[in-house]
PDB file of N, CA and C in Angstrom:
ATOM      1  N   UNK A   1       1.018  -0.876  -0.088  1.00  0.00           N
ATOM      2  CA  UNK A   1       0.055  -0.019   0.100  1.00  0.00           C
ATOM      3  C   UNK A   1       0.887   0.948  -0.155  1.00  0.00           C
ATOM      4  N   UNK A   2       2.189   1.179   0.646  1.00  0.00           N
ATOM      5  CA  UNK A   2       3.008   2.620   0.578  1.00  0.00           C
ATOM      6  C   UNK A   2       3.870   2.242  -0.746  1.00  0.00           C
ATOM      7  N   UNK A   3       3.437   1.487  -1.385  1.00  0.00           N
ATOM      8  CA  UNK A   3       4.102   1.688  -2.689  1.00  0.00           C
ATOM      9  C   UNK A   3       3.676   3.228  -3.494  1.00  0.00           C
ATOM     10  N   UNK A   4       2.207   3.081  -3.761  1.00  0.00           N
ATOM     11  CA  UNK A   4       1.755   3.908  -4.516  1.00  0.00           C
ATOM     12  C   UNK A   4       1.093   5.702  -3.751  1.00  0.00           C
ATOM     13  N   UNK A   5       1.167   6.530  -4.290  1.00  0.00           N
ATOM     14  CA  UNK A   5       0.642   7.770  -3.525  1.00  0.00           C
ATOM     15  C   UNK A   5      -0.463   7.856  -3.149  1.00  0.00           C
ATOM     16  N   UNK A   6      -0.711   8.511  -2.106  1.00  0.00           N
ATOM     17  CA  UNK A   6      -2.160   9.021  -2.068  1.00  0.00           C
ATOM     18  C   UNK A   6      -3.183   9.129  -2.879  1.00  0.00           C
ATOM     19  N   UNK A   7      -2.739  10.111  -3.472  1.00  0.00           N
ATOM     20  CA  UNK A   7      -3.060  10.651  -4.651  1.00  0.00           C
ATOM     21  C   UNK A   7      -3.855   9.734  -5.912  1.00  0.00           C
ATOM     22  N   UNK A   8      -2.270   8.559  -6.183  1.00  0.00           N
ATOM     23  CA  UNK A   8      -3.248   7.710  -6.946  1.00  0.00           C
ATOM     24  C   UNK A   8      -4.122   6.882  -6.696  1.00  0.00           C
ATOM     25  N   UNK A   9      -4.338   5.991  -5.637  1.00  0.00           N
ATOM     26  CA  UNK A   9      -5.284   5.614  -5.160  1.00  0.00           C
ATOM     27  C   UNK A   9      -6.557   6.234  -5.392  1.00  0.00           C
ATOM     28  N   UNK A  10      -6.343   7.449  -4.677  1.00  0.00           N
ATOM     29  CA  UNK A  10      -7.836   7.721  -4.743  1.00  0.00           C
ATOM     30  C   UNK A  10      -8.362   8.484  -6.449  1.00  0.00           C
ATOM     31  N   UNK A  11      -7.324   8.301  -7.186  1.00  0.00           N
ATOM     32  CA  UNK A  11      -7.746   8.614  -8.269  1.00  0.00           C
ATOM     33  C   UNK A  11      -8.184   7.184  -9.064  1.00  0.00           C
ATOM     34  N   UNK A  12      -7.976   6.446  -8.630  1.00  0.00           N
ATOM     35  CA  UNK A  12      -8.474   4.554  -9.010  1.00  0.00           C
ATOM     36  C   UNK A  12      -9.672   4.746  -8.060  1.00  0.00           C
ATOM     37  N   UNK A  13      -9.482   4.901  -6.903  1.00  0.00           N
ATOM     38  CA  UNK A  13     -10.864   4.756  -6.612  1.00  0.00           C
ATOM     39  C   UNK A  13     -11.771   5.753  -7.193  1.00  0.00           C
ATOM     40  N   UNK A  14     -12.228   7.218  -7.257  1.00  0.00           N
ATOM     41  CA  UNK A  14     -12.899   7.811  -7.292  1.00  0.00           C
ATOM     42  C   UNK A  14     -13.327   7.836  -8.850  1.00  0.00           C
ATOM     43  N   UNK A  15     -12.171   7.266 -10.113  1.00  0.00           N
ATOM     44  CA  UNK A  15     -12.368   7.221 -11.681  1.00  0.00           C
ATOM     45  C   UNK A  15     -13.298   5.693 -11.366  1.00  0.00           C
ATOM     46  N   UNK A  16     -13.093   4.831 -10.442  1.00  0.00           N
ATOM     47  CA  UNK A  16     -14.300   3.572 -10.694  1.00  0.00           C
ATOM     48  C   UNK A  16     -15.480   3.824  -9.986  1.00  0.00           C
ATOM     49  N   UNK A  17     -15.568   4.786  -9.400  1.00  0.00           N
ATOM     50  CA  UNK A  17     -17.002   4.844  -8.522  1.00  0.00           C
ATOM     51  C   UNK A  17     -17.733   5.951  -9.888  1.00  0.00           C
ATOM     52  N   UNK A  18     -16.967   6.699 -10.630  1.00  0.00           N
ATOM     53  CA  UNK A  18     -17.690   7.954 -11.409  1.00  0.00           C
ATOM     54  C   UNK A  18     -17.828   6.615 -12.567  1.00  0.00           C
ATOM     55  N   UNK A  19     -16.913   6.077 -13.176  1.00  0.00           N
ATOM     56  CA  UNK A  19     -17.115   5.239 -14.198  1.00  0.00           C
ATOM     57  C   UNK A  19     -18.201   4.247 -13.808  1.00  0.00           C
ATOM     58  N   UNK A  20     -18.481   3.471 -12.882  1.00  0.00           N
ATOM     59  CA  UNK A  20     -19.844   2.825 -12.363  1.00  0.00           C
ATOM     60  C   UNK A  20     -20.923   3.784 -12.524  1.00  0.00           C
ATOM     61  N   UNK A  21     -20.528   4.448 -12.259  1.00  0.00           N
ATOM     62  CA  UNK A  21     -22.313   5.448 -12.163  1.00  0.00           C
ATOM     63  C   UNK A  21     -22.854   6.426 -13.985  1.00  0.00           C
ATOM     64  N   UNK A  22     -21.471   6.529 -14.481  1.00  0.00           N
ATOM     65  CA  UNK A  22     -21.982   6.594 -15.706  1.00  0.00           C
ATOM     66  C   UNK A  22     -22.200   5.183 -16.433  1.00  0.00           C
ATOM     67  N   UNK A  23     -21.774   4.369 -16.304  1.00  0.00           N
ATOM     68  CA  UNK A  23     -22.608   2.972 -16.936  1.00  0.00           C
ATOM     69  C   UNK A  23     -23.463   2.604 -16.364  1.00  0.00           C
ATOM     70  N   UNK A  24     -24.064   3.116 -15.191  1.00  0.00           N
ATOM     71  CA  UNK A  24     -25.415   2.567 -14.822  1.00  0.00           C
ATOM     72  C   UNK A  24     -26.513   3.447 -15.149  1.00  0.00           C
ATOM     73  N   UNK A  25     -26.234   5.160 -15.399  1.00  0.00           N
ATOM     74  CA  UNK A  25     -27.104   5.939 -15.991  1.00  0.00           C
ATOM     75  C   UNK A  25     -27.415   5.715 -17.333  1.00  0.00           C
ATOM     76  N   UNK A  26     -26.167   5.220 -17.875  1.00  0.00           N
ATOM     77  CA  UNK A  26     -26.492   4.686 -19.443  1.00  0.00           C
ATOM     78  C   UNK A  26     -27.457   3.558 -19.654  1.00  0.00           C
ATOM     79  N   UNK A  27     -27.368   2.579 -18.326  1.00  0.00           N
ATOM     80  CA  UNK A  27     -28.409   1.190 -18.539  1.00  0.00           C
ATOM     81  C   UNK A  27     -29.612   1.809 -19.010  1.00  0.00           C
ATOM     82  N   UNK A  28     -30.249   0.642 -19.683  1.00  0.00           N
ATOM     83  CA  UNK A  28     -31.590   0.574 -20.473  1.00  0.00           C
ATOM     84  C   UNK A  28     -32.595  -0.132 -19.369  1.00  0.00           C
ATOM     85  N   UNK A  29     -32.076   0.047 -17.696  1.00  0.00           N
ATOM     86  CA  UNK A  29     -33.109  -0.116 -16.697  1.00  0.00           C
ATOM     87  C   UNK A  29     -34.415   0.692 -16.456  1.00  0.00           C
ATOM     88  N   UNK A  30     -34.978   0.557 -15.699  1.00  0.00           N
ATOM     89  CA  UNK A  30     -35.913   1.913 -14.945  1.00  0.00           C
ATOM     90  C   UNK A  30     -35.057   2.631 -13.747  1.00  0.00           C
ATOM     91  N   UNK A  31     -35.491   3.693 -13.903  1.00  0.00           N
ATOM     92  CA  UNK A  31     -35.164   4.714 -13.005  1.00  0.00           C
ATOM     93  C   UNK A  31     -34.612   4.111 -11.373  1.00  0.00           C
ATOM     94  N   UNK A  32     -35.560   3.509 -10.924  1.00  0.00           N
ATOM     95  CA  UNK A  32     -36.073   2.783  -9.862  1.00  0.00           C
ATOM     96  C   UNK A  32     -34.643   1.381  -9.335  1.00  0.00           C
ATOM     97  N   UNK A  33     -34.596   1.025 -10.509  1.00  0.00           N
ATOM     98  CA  UNK A  33     -33.134  -0.317 -10.465  1.00  0.00           C
ATOM     99  C   UNK A  33     -32.259   0.485 -10.640  1.00  0.00           C
ATOM    100  N   UNK A  34     -31.894   1.253 -11.379  1.00  0.00           N
ATOM    101  CA  UNK A  34     -30.696   2.401 -11.055  1.00  0.00           C
ATOM    102  C   UNK A  34     -30.417   2.985 -10.291  1.00  0.00           C
ATOM    103  N   UNK A  35     -31.577   3.496  -9.235  1.00  0.00           N
ATOM    104  CA  UNK A  35     -30.636   3.774  -8.177  1.00  0.00           C
ATOM    105  C   UNK A  35     -30.624   3.202  -7.031  1.00  0.00           C
ATOM    106  N   UNK A  36     -31.384   1.816  -7.217  1.00  0.00           N
ATOM    107  CA  UNK A  36     -31.338   0.570  -6.399  1.00  0.00           C
ATOM    108  C   UNK A  36     -29.842   0.133  -6.651  1.00  0.00           C
ATOM    109  N   UNK A  37     -28.993  -0.144  -7.762  1.00  0.00           N
ATOM    110  CA  UNK A  37     -27.786  -0.337  -8.080  1.00  0.00           C
ATOM    111  C   UNK A  37     -26.463   0.538  -7.646  1.00  0.00           C
ATOM    112  N   UNK A  38     -27.136   1.803  -7.662  1.00  0.00           N
ATOM    113  CA  UNK A  38     -25.931   2.956  -6.992  1.00  0.00           C
ATOM    114  C   UNK A  38     -25.883   2.976  -5.873  1.00  0.00           C
ATOM    115  N   UNK A  39     -27.323   2.484  -4.992  1.00  0.00           N
ATOM    116  CA  UNK A  39     -27.214   2.867  -3.705  1.00  0.00           C
ATOM    117  C   UNK A  39     -26.525   1.606  -3.115  1.00  0.00           C
ATOM    118  N   UNK A  40     -26.491   0.403  -3.806  1.00  0.00           N
ATOM    119  CA  UNK A  40     -25.804  -1.075  -3.586  1.00  0.00           C
ATOM    120  C   UNK A  40     -24.776  -0.868  -3.594  1.00  0.00           C
ATOM    121  N   UNK A  41     -23.684  -0.221  -4.713  1.00  0.00           N
ATOM    122  CA  UNK A  41     -22.666  -0.129  -5.204  1.00  0.00           C
ATOM    123  C   UNK A  41     -22.209   0.954  -4.118  1.00  0.00           C
ATOM    124  N   UNK A  42     -22.598   2.175  -3.312  1.00  0.00           N
ATOM    125  CA  UNK A  42     -22.146   3.052  -2.800  1.00  0.00           C
ATOM    126  C   UNK A  42     -22.090   2.552  -1.800  1.00  0.00           C
ATOM    127  N   UNK A  43     -22.624   1.513  -1.349  1.00  0.00           N
ATOM    128  CA  UNK A  43     -23.026   0.971  -0.110  1.00  0.00           C
ATOM    129  C   UNK A  43     -21.071   0.093   0.553  1.00  0.00           C
ATOM    130  N   UNK A  44     -21.245  -1.074  -0.979  1.00  0.00           N
ATOM    131  CA  UNK A  44     -20.210  -1.589  -1.195  1.00  0.00           C
ATOM    132  C   UNK A  44     -18.798  -0.853  -1.167  1.00  0.00           C
ATOM    133  N   UNK A  45     -18.483   0.096  -1.342  1.00  0.00           N
ATOM    134  CA  UNK A  45     -17.722   0.822  -1.703  1.00  0.00           C
ATOM    135  C   UNK A  45     -17.381   1.689  -0.690  1.00  0.00           C
ATOM    136  N   UNK A  46     -18.567   1.554   0.471  1.00  0.00           N
ATOM    137  CA  UNK A  46     -18.428   2.461   1.680  1.00  0.00           C
ATOM    138  C   UNK A  46     -17.712   1.431   2.870  1.00  0.00           C
ATOM    139  N   UNK A  47     -18.211  -0.013   2.506  1.00  0.00           N
ATOM    140  CA  UNK A  47     -17.605  -1.010   3.448  1.00  0.00           C
ATOM    141  C   UNK A  47     -16.276  -1.443   3.068  1.00  0.00           C
ATOM    142  N   UNK A  48     -15.910  -1.120   1.938  1.00  0.00           N
ATOM    143  CA  UNK A  48     -14.299  -1.310   1.792  1.00  0.00           C
ATOM    144  C   UNK A  48     -13.929  -0.406   1.927  1.00  0.00           C
ATOM    145  N   UNK A  49     -13.886   0.683   1.680  1.00  0.00           N
ATOM    146  CA  UNK A  49     -13.305   2.010   2.386  1.00  0.00           C
ATOM    147  C   UNK A  49     -13.071   2.026   3.934  1.00  0.00           C
ATOM    148  N   UNK A  50     -13.956   1.586   4.433  1.00  0.00           N
ATOM    149  CA  UNK A  50     -14.024   1.398   5.890  1.00  0.00           C
ATOM    150  C   UNK A  50     -13.250   0.279   6.356  1.00  0.00           C
ATOM    151  N   UNK A  51     -13.326  -0.927   5.460  1.00  0.00           N
ATOM    152  CA  UNK A  51     -12.461  -1.727   6.390  1.00  0.00           C
ATOM    153  C   UNK A  51     -10.725  -2.129   5.815  1.00  0.00           C
ATOM    154  N   UNK A  52     -10.553  -0.642   4.772  1.00  0.00           N
ATOM    155  CA  UNK A  52      -9.520  -0.630   4.192  1.00  0.00           C
ATOM    156  C   UNK A  52      -8.531   0.828   5.716  1.00  0.00           C
ATOM    157  N   UNK A  53      -9.802   1.686   5.700  1.00  0.00           N
ATOM    158  CA  UNK A  53      -9.156   2.363   7.290  1.00  0.00           C
ATOM    159  C   UNK A  53      -8.843   1.764   8.660  1.00  0.00           C
ATOM    160  N   UNK A  54      -9.800   0.517   8.780  1.00  0.00           N
ATOM    161  CA  UNK A  54      -9.436  -0.096   9.973  1.00  0.00           C
ATOM    162  C   UNK A  54      -8.112  -0.707   9.806  1.00  0.00           C
ATOM    163  N   UNK A  55      -8.327  -1.076   8.713  1.00  0.00           N
ATOM    164  CA  UNK A  55      -6.751  -2.411   8.364  1.00  0.00           C
ATOM    165  C   UNK A  55      -5.297  -1.309   8.428  1.00  0.00           C
ATOM    166  N   UNK A  56      -5.643   0.239   7.715  1.00  0.00           N
ATOM    167  CA  UNK A  56      -4.704   1.133   8.162  1.00  0.00           C
ATOM    168  C   UNK A  56      -4.050   1.593   9.472  1.00  0.00           C
ATOM    169  N   UNK A  57      -5.424   1.442  10.023  1.00  0.00           N
ATOM    170  CA  UNK A  57      -5.286   2.089  11.700  1.00  0.00           C
ATOM    171  C   UNK A  57      -4.370   1.099  12.502  1.00  0.00           C
ATOM    172  N   UNK A  58      -4.866  -0.085  12.386  1.00  0.00           N
ATOM    173  CA  UNK A  58      -4.273  -1.144  12.823  1.00  0.00           C
ATOM    174  C   UNK A  58      -2.758  -1.289  12.579  1.00  0.00           C
ATOM    175  N   UNK A  59      -2.490  -0.950  11.002  1.00  0.00           N
ATOM    176  CA  UNK A  59      -0.514  -0.806  10.954  1.00  0.00           C
ATOM    177  C   UNK A  59      -0.534  -0.014  11.436  1.00  0.00           C
ATOM    178  N   UNK A  60      -0.738   1.112  11.799  1.00  0.00           N
ATOM    179  CA  UNK A  60      -0.618   2.258  11.868  1.00  0.00           C
ATOM    180  C   UNK A  60       0.121   1.621  13.403  1.00  0.00           C
ATOM    181  N   UNK A  61      -1.405   1.390  14.378  1.00  0.00           N
ATOM    182  CA  UNK A  61      -0.609   0.929  16.287  1.00  0.00           C
ATOM    183  C   UNK A  61       0.041  -0.085  15.931  1.00  0.00           C
ATOM    184  N   UNK A  62       0.366  -0.945  15.131  1.00  0.00           N
ATOM    185  CA  UNK A  62       1.719  -2.058  15.177  1.00  0.00           C
ATOM    186  C   UNK A  62       2.684  -0.733  14.835  1.00  0.00           C
ATOM    187  N   UNK A  63       2.571  -0.085  13.854  1.00  0.00           N
ATOM    188  CA  UNK A  63       3.711   0.771  13.658  1.00  0.00           C
ATOM    189  C   UNK A  63       4.029   1.866  15.030  1.00  0.00           C
ATOM    190  N   UNK A  64       3.038   2.073  15.686  1.00  0.00           N
ATOM    191  CA  UNK A  64       3.128   3.069  16.861  1.00  0.00           C
ATOM    192  C   UNK A  64       4.151   1.794  17.889  1.00  0.00           C
ATOM    193  N   UNK A  65       3.569   0.681  17.922  1.00  0.00           N
ATOM    194  CA  UNK A  65       4.010  -0.183  19.118  1.00  0.00           C
ATOM    195  C   UNK A  65       5.389  -0.340  18.864  1.00  0.00           C
ATOM    196  N   UNK A  66       5.734  -1.266  17.376  1.00  0.00           N
ATOM    197  CA  UNK A  66       7.034  -0.809  17.384  1.00  0.00           C
ATOM    198  C   UNK A  66       8.189  -0.006  17.721  1.00  0.00           C
ATOM    199  N   UNK A  67       8.182   1.292  17.482  1.00  0.00           N
ATOM    200  CA  UNK A  67       8.706   2.386  17.696  1.00  0.00           C
ATOM    201  C   UNK A  67       8.702   2.349  19.303  1.00  0.00           C
ATOM    202  N   UNK A  68       7.705   2.373  19.963  1.00  0.00           N
ATOM    203  CA  UNK A  68       7.512   2.438  21.436  1.00  0.00           C
ATOM    204  C   UNK A  68       8.771   1.322  21.902  1.00  0.00           C
ATOM    205  N   UNK A  69       8.836   0.564  21.605  1.00  0.00           N
ATOM    206  CA  UNK A  69       9.361  -0.895  21.835  1.00  0.00           C
ATOM    207  C   UNK A  69      10.883  -0.378  21.631  1.00  0.00           C
ATOM    208  N   UNK A  70      11.275   0.130  20.270  1.00  0.00           N
ATOM    209  CA  UNK A  70      12.516   0.408  19.861  1.00  0.00           C
ATOM    210  C   UNK A  70      13.262   1.613  20.812  1.00  0.00           C
ATOM    211  N   UNK A  71      12.096   2.749  21.125  1.00  0.00           N
ATOM    212  CA  UNK A  71      12.883   3.941  21.957  1.00  0.00           C
ATOM    213  C   UNK A  71      13.050   3.290  23.808  1.00  0.00           C
ATOM    214  N   UNK A  72      12.256   2.430  24.118  1.00  0.00           N
ATOM    215  CA  UNK A  72      12.627   1.701  25.298  1.00  0.00           C
ATOM    216  C   UNK A  72      14.467   1.015  25.217  1.00  0.00           C
ATOM    217  N   UNK A  73      14.645   0.109  24.329  1.00  0.00           N
ATOM    218  CA  UNK A  73      15.736  -0.504  23.827  1.00  0.00           C
ATOM    219  C   UNK A  73      16.796   0.483  23.519  1.00  0.00           C
ATOM    220  N   UNK A  74      16.445   1.724  22.883  1.00  0.00           N
ATOM    221  CA  UNK A  74      17.354   2.772  23.109  1.00  0.00           C
ATOM    222  C   UNK A  74      17.702   3.189  24.723  1.00  0.00           C
ATOM    223  N   UNK A  75      16.527   3.859  25.116  1.00  0.00           N
ATOM    224  CA  UNK A  75      16.980   4.095  26.237  1.00  0.00           C
ATOM    225  C   UNK A  75      17.649   3.914  27.266  1.00  0.00           C
ATOM    226  N   UNK A  76      17.320   1.502  27.464  1.00  0.00           N
ATOM    227  CA  UNK A  76      18.201   1.269  28.448  1.00  0.00           C
ATOM    228  C   UNK A  76      19.228   1.233  27.621  1.00  0.00           C
ATOM    229  N   UNK A  77      19.720   1.040  26.570  1.00  0.00           N
ATOM    230  CA  UNK A  77      21.022   0.533  26.469  1.00  0.00           C
ATOM    231  C   UNK A  77      22.165   2.035  25.992  1.00  0.00           C
ATOM    232  N   UNK A  78      21.297   2.976  26.326  1.00  0.00           N
ATOM    233  CA  UNK A  78      21.919   4.303  26.741  1.00  0.00           C
ATOM    234  C   UNK A  78      22.451   4.079  28.565  1.00  0.00           C
ATOM    235  N   UNK A  79      21.549   3.806  29.028  1.00  0.00           N
ATOM    236  CA  UNK A  79      21.639   3.733  30.047  1.00  0.00           C
ATOM    237  C   UNK A  79      22.456   3.029  31.071  1.00  0.00           C
ATOM    238  N   UNK A  80      22.429   1.662  30.352  1.00  0.00           N
ATOM    239  CA  UNK A  80      23.303   1.238  30.504  1.00  0.00           C
ATOM    240  C   UNK A  80      25.136   1.181  29.842  1.00  0.00           C
ATOM    241  N   UNK A  81      25.020   2.066  29.190  1.00  0.00           N
ATOM    242  CA  UNK A  81      26.368   2.459  28.677  1.00  0.00           C
ATOM    243  C   UNK A  81      26.510   3.637  29.562  1.00  0.00           C
ATOM    244  N   UNK A  82      26.106   4.389  29.920  1.00  0.00           N
ATOM    245  CA  UNK A  82      26.093   5.878  30.639  1.00  0.00           C
ATOM    246  C   UNK A  82      26.638   4.666  32.497  1.00  0.00           C
ATOM    247  N   UNK A  83      26.066   3.595  32.579  1.00  0.00           N
ATOM    248  CA  UNK A  83      26.849   3.151  34.085  1.00  0.00           C
ATOM    249  C   UNK A  83      27.964   2.046  33.855  1.00  0.00           C
ATOM    250  N   UNK A  84      28.189   1.595  32.574  1.00  0.00           N
ATOM    251  CA  UNK A  84      29.565   0.993  32.078  1.00  0.00           C
ATOM    252  C   UNK A  84      30.453   2.051  32.128  1.00  0.00           C
ATOM    253  N   UNK A  85      30.274   3.350  31.670  1.00  0.00           N
ATOM    254  CA  UNK A  85      31.467   4.667  31.643  1.00  0.00           C
ATOM    255  C   UNK A  85      32.059   5.073  32.873  1.00  0.00           C
ATOM    256  N   UNK A  86      30.812   5.262  34.004  1.00  0.00           N
ATOM    257  CA  UNK A  86      30.749   5.279  35.323  1.00  0.00           C
ATOM    258  C   UNK A  86      31.771   4.537  36.009  1.00  0.00           C
ATOM    259  N   UNK A  87      31.438   2.762  35.742  1.00  0.00           N
ATOM    260  CA  UNK A  87      32.387   1.851  36.445  1.00  0.00           C
ATOM    261  C   UNK A  87      33.671   1.950  35.923  1.00  0.00           C
ATOM    262  N   UNK A  88      33.638   2.257  34.243  1.00  0.00           N
ATOM    263  CA  UNK A  88      35.017   2.098  34.269  1.00  0.00           C
ATOM    264  C   UNK A  88      35.979   3.967  34.566  1.00  0.00           C
ATOM    265  N   UNK A  89      34.999   4.663  34.762  1.00  0.00           N
ATOM    266  CA  UNK A  89      35.979   6.129  35.432  1.00  0.00           C
ATOM    267  C   UNK A  89      36.184   6.183  37.049  1.00  0.00           C
ATOM    268  N   UNK A  90      35.724   4.894  37.565  1.00  0.00           N
ATOM    269  CA  UNK A  90      35.874   4.549  39.204  1.00  0.00           C
ATOM    270  C   UNK A  90      37.443   4.038  39.109  1.00  0.00           C
ATOM    271  N   UNK A  91      37.358   2.854  38.136  1.00  0.00           N
ATOM    272  CA  UNK A  91      37.889   2.051  37.859  1.00  0.00           C
ATOM    273  C   UNK A  91      39.646   2.387  38.270  1.00  0.00           C
ATOM    274  N   UNK A  92      39.402   3.310  36.756  1.00  0.00           N
ATOM    275  CA  UNK A  92      40.467   4.299  36.365  1.00  0.00           C
ATOM    276  C   UNK A  92      41.094   5.643  37.545  1.00  0.00           C
ATOM    277  N   UNK A  93      40.236   5.602  38.422  1.00  0.00           N
ATOM    278  CA  UNK A  93      40.200   6.556  39.706  1.00  0.00           C
ATOM    279  C   UNK A  93      40.598   5.803  40.643  1.00  0.00           C
ATOM    280  N   UNK A  94      40.617   4.451  40.807  1.00  0.00           N
ATOM    281  CA  UNK A  94      41.633   3.038  41.545  1.00  0.00           C
ATOM    282  C   UNK A  94      42.442   2.974  41.156  1.00  0.00           C
ATOM    283  N   UNK A  95      42.960   2.543  39.963  1.00  0.00           N
ATOM    284  CA  UNK A  95      44.248   2.232  39.629  1.00  0.00           C
ATOM    285  C   UNK A  95      45.066   3.269  39.741  1.00  0.00           C
ATOM    286  N   UNK A  96      44.391   4.851  39.668  1.00  0.00           N
ATOM    287  CA  UNK A  96      45.241   5.934  39.758  1.00  0.00           C
ATOM    288  C   UNK A  96      45.728   6.307  41.304  1.00  0.00           C
ATOM    289  N   UNK A  97      45.001   6.013  42.242  1.00  0.00           N
ATOM    290  CA  UNK A  97      45.128   6.400  43.071  1.00  0.00           C
ATOM    291  C   UNK A  97      46.128   5.157  43.824  1.00  0.00           C
ATOM    292  N   UNK A  98      45.926   3.903  43.390  1.00  0.00           N
ATOM    293  CA  UNK A  98      46.109   2.784  43.672  1.00  0.00           C
ATOM    294  C   UNK A  98      48.418   3.183  43.283  1.00  0.00           C
ATOM    295  N   UNK A  99      48.176   3.926  42.211  1.00  0.00           N
ATOM    296  CA  UNK A  99      49.421   3.595  41.471  1.00  0.00           C
ATOM    297  C   UNK A  99      50.422   5.043  42.384  1.00  0.00           C
ATOM    298  N   UNK A 100      49.520   5.913  42.776  1.00  0.00           N
ATOM    299  CA  UNK A 100      50.032   7.412  43.659  1.00  0.00           C
ATOM    300  C   UNK A 100      50.479   6.197  45.249  1.00  0.00           C
ATOM    301  N   UNK A 101      49.679   6.053  45.771  1.00  0.00           N
ATOM    302  CA  UNK A 101      49.693   4.826  47.469  1.00  0.00           C
ATOM    303  C   UNK A 101      51.278   4.074  46.680  1.00  0.00           C
ATOM    304  N   UNK A 102      51.443   3.510  45.871  1.00  0.00           N
ATOM    305  CA  UNK A 102      52.858   2.527  45.194  1.00  0.00           C
ATOM    306  C   UNK A 102      53.734   3.856  45.355  1.00  0.00           C
ATOM    307  N   UNK A 103      53.817   4.885  44.655  1.00  0.00           N
ATOM    308  CA  UNK A 103      54.611   5.911  44.131  1.00  0.00           C
ATOM    309  C   UNK A 103      55.008   6.445  45.804  1.00  0.00           C
ATOM    310  N   UNK A 104      54.418   6.604  46.438  1.00  0.00           N
ATOM    311  CA  UNK A 104      54.705   7.041  47.679  1.00  0.00           C
ATOM    312  C   UNK A 104      55.313   6.361  48.799  1.00  0.00           C
ATOM    313  N   UNK A 105      54.697   4.967  48.322  1.00  0.00           N
ATOM    314  CA  UNK A 105      55.326   3.773  49.604  1.00  0.00           C
ATOM    315  C   UNK A 105      56.612   3.243  48.892  1.00  0.00           C
ATOM    316  N   UNK A 106      57.351   3.482  47.966  1.00  0.00           N
ATOM    317  CA  UNK A 106      58.307   3.220  47.421  1.00  0.00           C
ATOM    318  C   UNK A 106      59.643   4.337  47.698  1.00  0.00           C
ATOM    319  N   UNK A 107      58.897   5.308  47.920  1.00  0.00           N
ATOM    320  CA  UNK A 107      59.977   6.557  48.168  1.00  0.00           C
ATOM    321  C   UNK A 107      60.079   6.101  49.777  1.00  0.00           C
ATOM    322  N   UNK A 108      59.563   5.642  50.537  1.00  0.00           N
ATOM    323  CA  UNK A 108      59.750   5.195  51.824  1.00  0.00           C
ATOM    324  C   UNK A 108      60.415   4.614  52.092  1.00  0.00           C
ATOM    325  N   UNK A 109      60.382   3.336  51.300  1.00  0.00           N
ATOM    326  CA  UNK A 109      61.178   2.148  51.488  1.00  0.00           C
ATOM    327  C   UNK A 109      62.776   2.344  51.109  1.00  0.00           C
ATOM    328  N   UNK A 110      62.759   2.834  49.697  1.00  0.00           N
ATOM    329  CA  UNK A 110      64.162   3.417  49.443  1.00  0.00           C
ATOM    330  C   UNK A 110      65.156   4.243  50.509  1.00  0.00           C
ATOM    331  N   UNK A 111      64.058   4.888  51.678  1.00  0.00           N
ATOM    332  CA  UNK A 111      64.958   6.012  52.355  1.00  0.00           C
ATOM    333  C   UNK A 111      65.013   5.213  53.328  1.00  0.00           C
TER     334      UNK A 111
END
């Protein structure tokens, strides 16, 4: 459905409706029969259009749910990355403190 532009699909639908109406108006039936046919076909088109709208709304909901899930995954990944960076910074500080303590201890041992 997304392969075709909305205008193209609207043109197909409106062209088929107009063509059907013209064909019915030129048919050799009585006016009442023609009106019944037009009413029947319009009801069919309305039903088809309603089902199409419902299907599109469901698909939109699916896409929306997938986007929400994707956003949650990204947020969780960002939080984990921040936690890992924080832990790495703490480890580097500890390593720096340990080296500083070793340097002080080495100086005292040599004296």
